[in-house]
């Protein structure tokens, strides 16, 4: 099993007083995040991995406004929808085990699902072509405040129960693409039903513990704790407010995982070296939706696999995702042909980490082949 060294080098590369391409490039990376430097405001954690090595790691800002602890490589952020790649991996591991098949129907796993579930396959759920209604739209309103740790929150099983009460889908499954948190909540419940374990335990046993991601968890309030936790924030009337939990923050399959740069670096190694699944077994996750006429809401051809967006960036092959929930913004951008990964985790809602990550990537795309960043 491939493992990273126990200690990742946490270096402030911009303090280097050396000459040459590597220090210039490091300074340029840091300049992209200049607006996040602060000793008393929420911020971000940034990791750049090039040729399998962490070449830039930096924390900006603080984990919360009470302790003002500095963000570092061990700070755990709510990943939001970046969690979907782990849900997809859990499903793929069950396919590997022979306990699931991508063409299995929803009603085969949940016989009490309405008849429309007979037209929805595991593959539809994974690549957002199921047509399921959004459970957020089906929840009783108002469900709770977004500012309180004690807010009433919907559970995965409750979201699935709401879907079981419906009589239709948005469209015929497989005929269109529509990003679906409902689909991934259902997938999390499928993992529980088929494996016989809780979703969090399955993730821990088959993915996190296997890769040495010792502090990555599917967070469940009152059941476990997040070590070195970052809290989400939103600026209101010029003042930062802690907005860490919402009525949908308890669901796991679509976005409930907390992780850090140090653990996500190990995840990147596993993806690069096919630690959990063989290259052949991973291929279905990297095949974009190809059903005739399937389009994103903006009219462009859908380019989504299993837990990954797959549209290229300026001619560079890419697998990526973003995460967005109350007080958090996250992204992971992987460019396999360039041996480049950029991960940005933010505990503030006013940042678009995807755009910042692409700015970092462009620095590497334009770098001369003989000018490595170490």
Protein backbone atom coordinates (compact mmCIF):
# COMPACT_ATOMS: atom_id res chain seq x y z
CA UNK A 1 0.00 0.00 0.00
CA UNK A 2 1.32 3.43 -0.93
CA UNK A 3 1.69 5.77 2.02
CA UNK A 4 3.01 9.30 2.35
CA UNK A 5 5.75 9.98 4.90
CA UNK A 6 4.36 10.57 8.37
CA UNK A 7 5.24 14.25 8.27
CA UNK A 8 4.48 16.45 5.30
CA UNK A 9 6.80 19.40 4.98
CA UNK A 10 4.84 22.51 5.98
CA UNK A 11 6.92 25.30 4.54
CA UNK A 12 6.41 28.97 3.96
CA UNK A 13 8.10 28.92 0.60
CA UNK A 14 7.86 32.64 0.03
CA UNK A 15 10.39 33.20 2.82
CA UNK A 16 13.10 31.57 0.75
CA UNK A 17 15.83 33.98 -0.27
CA UNK A 18 17.10 31.86 -3.12
CA UNK A 19 17.24 32.87 -6.74
CA UNK A 20 15.83 31.09 -9.76
CA UNK A 21 12.54 29.83 -11.12
CA UNK A 22 11.41 27.94 -8.01
CA UNK A 23 11.33 30.94 -5.64
CA UNK A 24 9.73 33.17 -8.29
CA UNK A 25 7.01 30.59 -8.90
CA UNK A 26 6.41 30.21 -5.18
CA UNK A 27 6.04 33.95 -4.81
CA UNK A 28 3.56 34.00 -7.67
CA UNK A 29 1.47 31.30 -5.99
CA UNK A 30 1.45 33.21 -2.74
CA UNK A 31 0.46 36.40 -4.54
CA UNK A 32 -2.73 34.70 -5.76
CA UNK A 33 -3.84 34.30 -2.14
CA UNK A 34 -2.66 37.66 -0.85
CA UNK A 35 -6.20 38.73 0.00
CA UNK A 36 -6.57 35.82 2.43
CA UNK A 37 -3.64 36.74 4.68
CA UNK A 38 -5.00 37.56 8.11
CA UNK A 39 -4.42 36.90 11.81
CA UNK A 40 -8.06 37.37 12.77
CA UNK A 41 -10.26 36.36 9.81
CA UNK A 42 -11.25 32.99 8.34
CA UNK A 43 -9.20 31.91 5.38
CA UNK A 44 -7.96 28.89 3.46
CA UNK A 45 -5.52 26.02 3.24
CA UNK A 46 -3.68 25.56 -0.06
CA UNK A 47 -1.78 22.53 -1.34
CA UNK A 48 -0.05 22.08 -4.69
CA UNK A 49 1.25 18.63 -5.63
CA UNK A 50 3.55 18.36 -8.64
CA UNK A 51 5.09 15.13 -9.89
CA UNK A 52 3.86 13.38 -6.77
CA UNK A 53 5.46 15.82 -4.33
CA UNK A 54 3.80 18.52 -2.19
CA UNK A 55 5.59 21.60 -3.53
CA UNK A 56 3.51 24.34 -1.92
CA UNK A 57 1.53 24.22 1.30
CA UNK A 58 0.25 27.24 3.12
CA UNK A 59 -2.44 28.24 5.56
CA UNK A 60 -4.12 31.62 5.47
CA UNK A 61 -6.28 33.02 8.25
CA UNK A 62 -7.77 31.30 11.29
CA UNK A 63 -9.96 28.30 12.00
CA UNK A 64 -12.56 30.30 13.95
CA UNK A 65 -13.03 33.68 15.60
CA UNK A 66 -13.06 32.31 19.14
CA UNK A 67 -9.67 30.58 19.36
CA UNK A 68 -8.05 32.30 16.36
CA UNK A 69 -5.96 29.19 15.79
CA UNK A 70 -3.96 29.42 12.60
CA UNK A 71 -5.04 27.28 9.67
CA UNK A 72 -2.43 24.67 8.78
CA UNK A 73 -2.11 21.37 6.91
CA UNK A 74 -3.91 19.50 9.69
CA UNK A 75 -6.95 21.79 9.81
CA UNK A 76 -10.09 19.86 8.89
CA UNK A 77 -12.66 21.57 6.67
CA UNK A 78 -16.13 20.47 5.66
CA UNK A 79 -15.56 19.30 2.08
CA UNK A 80 -19.19 19.75 0.99
CA UNK A 81 -19.62 18.26 -2.50
CA UNK A 82 -15.94 17.35 -2.79
CA UNK A 83 -17.21 14.49 -0.57
CA UNK A 84 -18.97 12.98 -3.59
CA UNK A 85 -15.77 11.40 -4.92
CA UNK A 86 -15.55 9.38 -1.67
CA UNK A 87 -19.19 8.31 -1.93
CA UNK A 88 -18.52 7.21 -5.50
CA UNK A 89 -15.41 5.31 -4.40
CA UNK A 90 -17.43 3.52 -1.71
CA UNK A 91 -19.93 2.37 -4.35
CA UNK A 92 -17.13 1.31 -6.69
CA UNK A 93 -15.55 -0.75 -3.91
CA UNK A 94 -18.86 -2.59 -3.48
CA UNK A 95 -18.87 -3.24 -7.24
CA UNK A 96 -15.31 -4.54 -6.83
CA UNK A 97 -16.60 -6.85 -4.07
CA UNK A 98 -19.31 -8.16 -6.38
CA UNK A 99 -22.06 -6.87 -4.09
CA UNK A 100 -23.31 -4.19 -6.51
CA UNK A 101 -23.46 -3.64 -10.27
CA UNK A 102 -23.70 -0.33 -12.07
CA UNK A 103 -26.85 -1.42 -13.87
CA UNK A 104 -28.66 -2.53 -10.70
CA UNK A 105 -31.99 -0.76 -10.27
CA UNK A 106 -32.90 1.36 -7.29
CA UNK A 107 -35.88 -0.86 -6.54
CA UNK A 108 -33.58 -3.89 -6.33
CA UNK A 109 -31.90 -2.34 -3.28
CA UNK A 110 -34.98 -0.61 -1.86
CA UNK A 111 -38.06 -2.67 -2.81
CA UNK A 112 -40.28 -0.08 -1.11
CA UNK A 113 -39.17 2.67 -3.46
CA UNK A 114 -41.92 3.97 -5.78
CA UNK A 115 -42.22 2.40 -9.24
CA UNK A 116 -40.20 5.21 -10.83
CA UNK A 117 -37.15 3.80 -9.00
CA UNK A 118 -37.20 0.79 -11.31
CA UNK A 119 -35.91 3.03 -14.11
CA UNK A 120 -33.03 4.46 -12.07
CA UNK A 121 -29.71 2.59 -12.09
CA UNK A 122 -26.69 2.93 -9.82
CA UNK A 123 -24.91 4.45 -12.82
CA UNK A 124 -27.65 7.10 -13.15
CA UNK A 125 -27.17 8.05 -9.51
CA UNK A 126 -23.39 8.27 -9.86
CA UNK A 127 -23.37 10.48 -12.96
CA UNK A 128 -26.36 12.70 -12.10
CA UNK A 129 -28.77 11.38 -14.73
CA UNK A 130 -31.33 9.91 -12.31
CA UNK A 131 -33.82 12.78 -12.51
CA UNK A 132 -34.56 12.54 -8.79
CA UNK A 133 -36.28 15.54 -7.27
CA UNK A 134 -34.13 17.65 -4.95
CA UNK A 135 -34.66 16.64 -1.36
CA UNK A 136 -33.88 20.24 -0.33
CA UNK A 137 -37.00 21.33 -2.19
CA UNK A 138 -39.09 18.65 -0.50
CA UNK A 139 -38.11 19.52 3.07
CA UNK A 140 -40.70 21.28 5.24
CA UNK A 141 -39.92 24.98 5.40
CA UNK A 142 -38.56 26.61 7.41
CA UNK A 143 -36.41 23.75 8.68
CA UNK A 144 -34.06 25.73 10.91
CA UNK A 145 -31.53 28.52 11.21
CA UNK A 146 -28.15 28.47 9.44
CA UNK A 147 -26.30 30.01 12.38
CA UNK A 148 -26.82 27.60 15.24
CA UNK A 149 -24.91 24.42 16.04
CA UNK A 150 -28.16 23.09 17.49
CA UNK A 151 -30.18 23.69 14.32
CA UNK A 152 -32.67 20.98 13.30
CA UNK A 153 -31.08 18.98 10.49
CA UNK A 154 -32.34 16.42 8.03
CA UNK A 155 -30.69 12.97 8.06
CA UNK A 156 -29.85 10.88 5.00
CA UNK A 157 -32.57 8.34 5.80
CA UNK A 158 -35.13 11.12 6.19
CA UNK A 159 -34.15 12.59 2.81
CA UNK A 160 -34.62 9.17 1.21
CA UNK A 161 -38.01 8.85 2.92
CA UNK A 162 -39.04 12.14 1.29
CA UNK A 163 -38.04 10.76 -2.11
CA UNK A 164 -40.02 7.58 -1.48
CA UNK A 165 -43.17 9.69 -1.10
CA UNK A 166 -42.81 11.16 -4.60
CA UNK A 167 -44.52 9.79 -7.68
CA UNK A 168 -42.28 11.15 -10.41
CA UNK A 169 -38.81 12.27 -11.44
CA UNK A 170 -37.80 15.53 -13.12
CA UNK A 171 -37.20 13.68 -16.38
CA UNK A 172 -36.84 10.15 -17.69
CA UNK A 173 -33.74 8.67 -16.03
CA UNK A 174 -30.77 8.68 -18.41
CA UNK A 175 -32.28 11.27 -20.76
CA UNK A 176 -30.73 14.37 -19.18
CA UNK A 177 -28.02 15.51 -16.79
CA UNK A 178 -28.95 17.46 -13.68
CA UNK A 179 -26.64 17.81 -10.67
CA UNK A 180 -28.30 15.88 -7.86
CA UNK A 181 -27.53 15.94 -4.16
CA UNK A 182 -30.48 13.59 -3.79
CA UNK A 183 -28.69 10.98 -5.90
CA UNK A 184 -25.64 10.97 -3.67
CA UNK A 185 -27.65 10.85 -0.47
CA UNK A 186 -29.36 7.78 -1.92
CA UNK A 187 -25.96 6.30 -2.81
CA UNK A 188 -24.80 6.72 0.77
CA UNK A 189 -27.85 4.81 1.96
CA UNK A 190 -27.22 2.12 -0.65
CA UNK A 191 -23.70 1.68 0.74
CA UNK A 192 -25.22 1.13 4.20
CA UNK A 193 -27.85 -1.32 2.97
CA UNK A 194 -25.49 -3.42 0.85
CA UNK A 195 -22.45 -3.39 3.16
CA UNK A 196 -24.31 -3.81 6.44
CA UNK A 197 -22.20 -1.02 7.94
CA UNK A 198 -22.98 2.60 8.62
CA UNK A 199 -21.84 4.85 5.79
CA UNK A 200 -19.25 6.51 8.03
CA UNK A 201 -17.86 3.17 9.19
CA UNK A 202 -17.59 1.87 5.63
CA UNK A 203 -15.72 5.00 4.55
CA UNK A 204 -13.40 4.71 7.53
CA UNK A 205 -12.69 1.00 7.17
CA UNK A 206 -12.34 0.75 3.40
CA UNK A 207 -10.94 4.16 2.45
CA UNK A 208 -9.70 6.45 5.22
CA UNK A 209 -7.97 3.91 7.49
CA UNK A 210 -6.67 2.00 4.47
CA UNK A 211 -4.91 5.13 3.21
CA UNK A 212 -3.76 6.50 6.55
CA UNK A 213 -6.24 9.38 6.38
CA UNK A 214 -6.44 9.28 10.14
CA UNK A 215 -8.41 12.47 10.74
CA UNK A 216 -10.87 12.34 7.83
CA UNK A 217 -14.41 11.52 8.95
CA UNK A 218 -18.04 11.63 7.95
CA UNK A 219 -19.10 14.06 10.66
CA UNK A 220 -22.24 13.32 12.66
CA UNK A 221 -23.08 15.82 15.35
CA UNK A 222 -23.22 14.20 18.77
CA UNK A 223 -21.68 10.96 17.47
CA UNK A 224 -18.11 11.96 16.61
CA UNK A 225 -15.83 14.98 16.72
CA UNK A 226 -13.73 16.79 14.14
CA UNK A 227 -10.14 17.27 15.25
CA UNK A 228 -8.49 20.61 14.44
CA UNK A 229 -11.83 21.77 13.08
CA UNK A 230 -12.35 24.83 10.91
CA UNK A 231 -15.72 26.53 11.29
CA UNK A 232 -17.55 28.12 8.38
CA UNK A 233 -18.05 31.90 8.17
CA UNK A 234 -20.03 34.44 6.17
CA UNK A 235 -19.48 38.20 6.15
CA UNK A 236 -22.68 40.09 6.93
CA UNK A 237 -22.74 43.89 6.86
CA UNK A 238 -18.95 43.90 6.88
CA UNK A 239 -18.69 41.64 9.95
CA UNK A 240 -17.70 37.98 9.99
CA UNK A 241 -20.38 35.66 11.37
CA UNK A 242 -19.95 31.98 12.15
CA UNK A 243 -22.34 30.18 9.79
CA UNK A 244 -21.17 26.64 10.20
CA UNK A 245 -24.30 24.50 10.11
CA UNK A 246 -27.46 24.49 8.03
CA UNK A 247 -30.56 22.25 7.91
CA UNK A 248 -28.78 20.09 5.29
CA UNK A 249 -25.34 19.91 6.96
CA UNK A 250 -26.06 16.51 8.52
CA UNK A 251 -26.47 14.52 5.30
CA UNK A 252 -23.37 12.49 4.52
CA UNK A 253 -23.54 10.98 1.05
CA UNK A 254 -23.69 14.32 -0.74
CA UNK A 255 -21.29 16.38 1.35
CA UNK A 256 -20.68 15.44 4.98
CA UNK A 257 -16.96 14.63 5.03
CA UNK A 258 -14.32 16.67 6.86
CA UNK A 259 -10.68 16.44 5.79
CA UNK A 260 -7.37 18.29 5.69
CA UNK A 261 -4.53 18.96 3.28
CA UNK A 262 -2.35 16.30 4.90
CA UNK A 263 -5.03 13.63 4.46
CA UNK A 264 -6.08 14.73 0.97
CA UNK A 265 -2.45 14.47 -0.13
CA UNK A 266 -2.70 10.77 0.74
CA UNK A 267 -5.92 10.53 -1.25
CA UNK A 268 -4.11 12.04 -4.23
CA UNK A 269 -1.36 9.41 -3.91
CA UNK A 270 -3.98 6.65 -3.85
CA UNK A 271 -5.61 7.97 -7.00
CA UNK A 272 -2.28 8.28 -8.77
CA UNK A 273 -1.11 4.78 -7.87
CA UNK A 274 -4.50 3.00 -8.00
CA UNK A 275 -4.19 1.86 -4.39
CA UNK A 276 -7.87 1.07 -3.82
CA UNK A 277 -8.97 0.05 -7.31
CA UNK A 278 -7.05 -1.02 -10.38
CA UNK A 279 -6.70 1.38 -13.29
CA UNK A 280 -9.27 -0.67 -15.19
CA UNK A 281 -11.74 -0.59 -12.30
CA UNK A 282 -11.32 3.17 -12.02
CA UNK A 283 -12.12 3.81 -15.68
CA UNK A 284 -15.93 4.00 -15.31
CA UNK A 285 -15.48 6.93 -12.92
CA UNK A 286 -13.49 8.79 -15.57
CA UNK A 287 -15.92 8.32 -18.45
CA UNK A 288 -18.13 11.39 -18.94
CA UNK A 289 -21.84 11.01 -19.48
CA UNK A 290 -22.34 10.06 -23.11
CA UNK A 291 -26.08 9.48 -23.47
CA UNK A 292 -27.44 11.21 -26.61
CA UNK A 293 -28.77 14.67 -25.92
CA UNK A 294 -27.57 14.78 -22.31
CA UNK A 295 -26.76 18.38 -21.47
CA UNK A 296 -25.86 20.50 -18.49
CA UNK A 297 -28.36 23.25 -17.59
CA UNK A 298 -26.20 25.74 -19.55
CA UNK A 299 -26.68 23.67 -22.70
CA UNK A 300 -23.12 22.33 -22.90
CA UNK A 301 -22.50 18.58 -23.18
CA UNK A 302 -22.32 17.06 -19.70
CA UNK A 303 -18.85 15.97 -18.66
CA UNK A 304 -19.30 14.13 -15.38
CA UNK A 305 -18.16 10.67 -14.34
CA UNK A 306 -18.56 9.15 -10.89
CA UNK A 307 -17.97 11.91 -8.36
CA UNK A 308 -15.78 13.91 -10.74
CA UNK A 309 -16.32 16.64 -13.30
CA UNK A 310 -14.23 15.73 -16.35
CA UNK A 311 -14.25 18.71 -18.69
CA UNK A 312 -10.71 19.77 -19.68
CA UNK A 313 -9.22 23.18 -18.97
CA UNK A 314 -7.44 24.94 -21.84
CA UNK A 315 -6.63 21.62 -23.45
CA UNK A 316 -5.40 19.97 -20.23
CA UNK A 317 -7.17 16.78 -19.19
CA UNK A 318 -8.80 17.33 -15.83
CA UNK A 319 -10.76 15.58 -13.07
CA UNK A 320 -12.11 18.02 -10.52
CA UNK A 321 -14.87 18.99 -8.15
CA UNK A 322 -16.04 21.91 -6.09
CA UNK A 323 -17.81 22.07 -2.75
CA UNK A 324 -20.11 24.79 -1.50
CA UNK A 325 -22.10 24.86 1.73
CA UNK A 326 -22.88 27.43 4.39
CA UNK A 327 -19.57 29.04 5.38
CA UNK A 328 -17.33 26.73 3.30
CA UNK A 329 -15.96 26.68 -0.25
CA UNK A 330 -13.63 23.91 -1.48
CA UNK A 331 -12.09 22.49 -4.63
CA UNK A 332 -9.74 19.78 -5.85
CA UNK A 333 -8.32 20.14 -9.35
CA UNK A 334 -6.33 17.21 -10.76
CA UNK A 335 -4.52 17.38 -14.11
CA UNK A 336 -3.32 13.78 -14.65
CA UNK A 337 -1.27 14.41 -17.78
CA UNK A 338 0.51 17.30 -16.08
CA UNK A 339 1.08 15.39 -12.81
CA UNK A 340 -0.46 18.38 -11.07
CA UNK A 341 -3.04 18.64 -8.26
CA UNK A 342 -4.28 21.84 -6.62
CA UNK A 343 -6.41 21.63 -3.46
CA UNK A 344 -7.97 24.66 -1.77
CA UNK A 345 -10.16 24.47 1.33
CA UNK A 346 -11.84 27.66 2.59
CA UNK A 347 -13.85 28.38 5.73
CA UNK A 348 -15.33 31.56 4.33
CA UNK A 349 -18.12 32.01 1.81
CA UNK A 350 -16.71 34.94 -0.18
CA UNK A 351 -14.01 32.97 -2.03
CA UNK A 352 -14.24 31.02 -5.30
CA UNK A 353 -11.45 28.46 -4.81
CA UNK A 354 -11.96 26.91 -8.26
CA UNK A 355 -10.89 30.17 -9.92
CA UNK A 356 -7.89 30.52 -7.61
CA UNK A 357 -6.84 26.92 -8.26
CA UNK A 358 -6.95 27.46 -12.02
CA UNK A 359 -4.75 30.52 -11.65
CA UNK A 360 -2.23 28.35 -9.82
CA UNK A 361 -2.47 25.66 -12.49
CA UNK A 362 -1.76 28.20 -15.22
CA UNK A 363 1.54 29.05 -13.54
CA UNK A 364 2.57 25.42 -13.97
CA UNK A 365 1.22 25.12 -17.50
CA UNK A 366 3.40 28.05 -18.52
CA UNK A 367 6.50 26.88 -16.63
CA UNK A 368 9.52 25.81 -18.64
CA UNK A 369 10.17 22.09 -18.46
CA UNK A 370 13.63 22.67 -16.95
CA UNK A 371 12.36 24.99 -14.18
CA UNK A 372 10.79 22.71 -11.55
CA UNK A 373 9.20 24.05 -8.39
CA UNK A 374 10.62 22.07 -5.45
